[in-house]
Each structure stands twice: as structure tokens, then as C-alpha cells.
C-alpha atoms as a PDB file:
ATOM      1  CA  MET A   1      -6.066  24.963 -11.118  1.00  0.00           C
ATOM      2  CA  THR A   2      -4.793  21.722  -9.430  1.00  0.00           C
ATOM      3  CA  GLU A   3      -3.231  22.391  -5.824  1.00  0.00           C
ATOM      4  CA  LYS A   4      -0.590  20.516  -4.606  1.00  0.00           C
ATOM      5  CA  LYS A   5      -1.509  18.304  -1.531  1.00  0.00           C
ATOM      6  CA  THR A   6       1.426  18.873   1.552  1.00  0.00           C
ATOM      7  CA  ILE A   7       3.014  15.362   2.386  1.00  0.00           C
ATOM      8  CA  PRO A   8       1.084  15.427   5.279  1.00  0.00           C
ATOM      9  CA  GLU A   9      -2.572  15.886   3.781  1.00  0.00           C
ATOM     10  CA  VAL A  10      -1.242  12.854   1.402  1.00  0.00           C
ATOM     11  CA  MET A  11      -0.705  10.654   4.381  1.00  0.00           C
ATOM     12  CA  ASP A  12      -4.224  11.771   6.199  1.00  0.00           C
ATOM     13  CA  GLN A  13      -5.450  10.840   2.748  1.00  0.00           C
ATOM     14  CA  GLU A  14      -3.708   7.432   2.703  1.00  0.00           C
ATOM     15  CA  ASP A  15      -5.337   6.922   6.100  1.00  0.00           C
ATOM     16  CA  LEU A  16      -8.732   6.864   4.892  1.00  0.00           C
ATOM     17  CA  VAL A  17      -8.052   4.012   2.204  1.00  0.00           C
ATOM     18  CA  LEU A  18      -8.668   0.950   4.414  1.00  0.00           C
ATOM     19  CA  GLU A  19     -10.094  -1.899   2.325  1.00  0.00           C
ATOM     20  CA  LYS A  20     -11.206  -2.078  -1.371  1.00  0.00           C
ATOM     21  CA  VAL A  21     -13.682  -4.601  -3.128  1.00  0.00           C
ATOM     22  CA  ASP A  22     -12.141  -6.248  -6.140  1.00  0.00           C
ATOM     23  CA  GLN A  23     -14.085  -7.056  -9.382  1.00  0.00           C
ATOM     24  CA  HIS A  24     -15.290 -10.794  -8.139  1.00  0.00           C
ATOM     25  CA  GLY A  25     -16.595  -8.983  -5.046  1.00  0.00           C
ATOM     26  CA  ILE A  26     -13.951 -10.086  -2.571  1.00  0.00           C
ATOM     27  CA  ARG A  27     -13.053  -7.592   0.048  1.00  0.00           C
ATOM     28  CA  TRP A  28      -9.440  -6.872   0.871  1.00  0.00           C
ATOM     29  CA  VAL A  29      -8.308  -5.228   3.659  1.00  0.00           C
ATOM     30  CA  LYS A  30      -5.231  -2.590   3.734  1.00  0.00           C
ATOM     31  CA  LYS A  31      -2.252  -3.500   6.138  1.00  0.00           C
ATOM     32  CA  TYR A  32       0.510  -1.671   4.397  1.00  0.00           C
ATOM     33  CA  VAL A  33       1.991   1.177   3.130  1.00  0.00           C
ATOM     34  CA  GLY A  34       5.548   2.234   2.193  1.00  0.00           C
ATOM     35  CA  GLY A  35       8.422   0.419   0.633  1.00  0.00           C
ATOM     36  CA  GLY A  36      12.402  -0.584   0.795  1.00  0.00           C
ATOM     37  CA  ALA A  37      13.230  -3.054   2.758  1.00  0.00           C
ATOM     38  CA  HIS A  38      10.594  -2.728   5.451  1.00  0.00           C
ATOM     39  CA  PHE A  39       8.256  -3.446   2.285  1.00  0.00           C
ATOM     40  CA  VAL A  40       9.785  -6.489   1.568  1.00  0.00           C
ATOM     41  CA  ASN A  41       9.705  -7.928   5.224  1.00  0.00           C
ATOM     42  CA  TRP A  42       6.065  -7.277   5.636  1.00  0.00           C
ATOM     43  CA  LEU A  43       4.968  -8.842   2.055  1.00  0.00           C
ATOM     44  CA  GLU A  44       7.403 -11.763   2.813  1.00  0.00           C
ATOM     45  CA  GLN A  45       5.529 -12.311   6.130  1.00  0.00           C
ATOM     46  CA  TYR A  46       1.780 -11.830   5.026  1.00  0.00           C
ATOM     47  CA  ARG A  47       2.406 -14.355   2.513  1.00  0.00           C
ATOM     48  CA  GLU A  48       3.982 -16.746   4.953  1.00  0.00           C
ATOM     49  CA  ILE A  49       0.797 -16.318   6.982  1.00  0.00           C
ATOM     50  CA  HIS A  50      -2.062 -15.952   4.786  1.00  0.00           C
ATOM     51  CA  GLY A  51      -0.597 -17.440   1.408  1.00  0.00           C
ATOM     52  CA  ILE A  52       0.468 -16.102  -1.904  1.00  0.00           C
ATOM     53  CA  GLU A  53      -2.749 -16.155  -3.668  1.00  0.00           C
ATOM     54  CA  ASP A  54      -4.511 -14.227  -0.454  1.00  0.00           C
ATOM     55  CA  VAL A  55      -1.670 -10.960  -0.664  1.00  0.00           C
ATOM     56  CA  GLU A  56      -1.638  -8.294  -3.627  1.00  0.00           C
ATOM     57  CA  ILE A  57       0.312  -5.585  -3.876  1.00  0.00           C
ATOM     58  CA  GLU A  58      -0.238  -2.094  -5.556  1.00  0.00           C
ATOM     59  CA  GLU A  59       2.068   0.595  -6.593  1.00  0.00           C
ATOM     60  CA  ILE A  60       1.014   3.632  -5.641  1.00  0.00           C
ATOM     61  CA  ASP A  61       2.469   7.399  -6.705  1.00  0.00           C
ATOM     62  CA  SER A  62       5.396   8.243  -4.519  1.00  0.00           C
ATOM     63  CA  ARG A  63       5.661  11.828  -5.879  1.00  0.00           C
ATOM     64  CA  GLY A  64       6.647  14.201  -3.494  1.00  0.00           C
ATOM     65  CA  PHE A  65       7.701  11.906  -0.494  1.00  0.00           C
ATOM     66  CA  ARG A  66      11.979  13.234  -0.708  1.00  0.00           C
ATOM     67  CA  CYS A  67      12.939   9.972   0.958  1.00  0.00           C
ATOM     68  CA  PHE A  68      11.200   7.749  -1.838  1.00  0.00           C
ATOM     69  CA  GLU A  69      12.332  10.537  -4.775  1.00  0.00           C
ATOM     70  CA  ILE A  70      15.928  10.643  -3.669  1.00  0.00           C
ATOM     71  CA  GLY A  71      16.604   6.645  -3.288  1.00  0.00           C
ATOM     72  CA  LYS A  72      13.946   6.261  -6.511  1.00  0.00           C
ATOM     73  CA  GLU A  73      12.106   3.471  -4.898  1.00  0.00           C
ATOM     74  CA  LYS A  74       8.879   3.022  -5.202  1.00  0.00           C
ATOM     75  CA  MET A  75       5.756   2.807  -2.902  1.00  0.00           C
ATOM     76  CA  PHE A  76       3.370   0.319  -2.346  1.00  0.00           C
ATOM     77  CA  ARG A  77       0.284  -0.979  -0.342  1.00  0.00           C
ATOM     78  CA  ILE A  78       0.100  -4.046   0.604  1.00  0.00           C
ATOM     79  CA  TRP A  79      -3.280  -5.578   0.597  1.00  0.00           C
ATOM     80  CA  VAL A  80      -4.685  -9.231   2.374  1.00  0.00           C
ATOM     81  CA  LYS A  81      -7.763 -11.243   1.251  1.00  0.00           C
ATOM     82  CA  GLU A  82     -10.974 -11.623   4.077  1.00  0.00           C
ATOM     83  CA  THR A  83     -11.339 -14.357   5.155  1.00  0.00           C
ATOM     84  CA  LYS A  84     -14.348 -15.301   7.267  1.00  0.00           C
END
């Protein structure tokens, strides 16, 4: 039996997702999670600063987030490639 998580539990879990390593061994750092106009604004800024090729987006599950469900909006993470 799967227990449904509360929104605070889901957000606490999301706070633990800080980085990822892709199939090429490149490290990516999470910079933003959300959607709507704020997402678009942050995405444009990160692309301007880091370049389109060094910014990725990942759609994540927005079920349970009433504001996203009502607006039928998607939720995303913005990842920026780590540079040394």
C-alpha cells in the first residue's frame, strides 16, 4: 500500500534534490523549482547568464499542488551545468 505524501513532505523531499550527474559524467546543479511566469523569468535569466547549452529543464510531478492543478500548469526544475 502506498501512502500519499503531504505537500510539505513533498517539498521537504524536493529540498534534498540538489544536483545530478548525467550520462557523460557532467554535474548539474538545481537552481529553481516551480512553474508559470516565475519559471519563465528564471529560465530566461539562467540562459542569458550561462548560455542555452548549459541550462536544462526537467518536468516534475505537480499532482497535489492545488495552484498548479487549478491552472493546469506544469512544474519544472532548472538545472545549470557546473563549471570549474
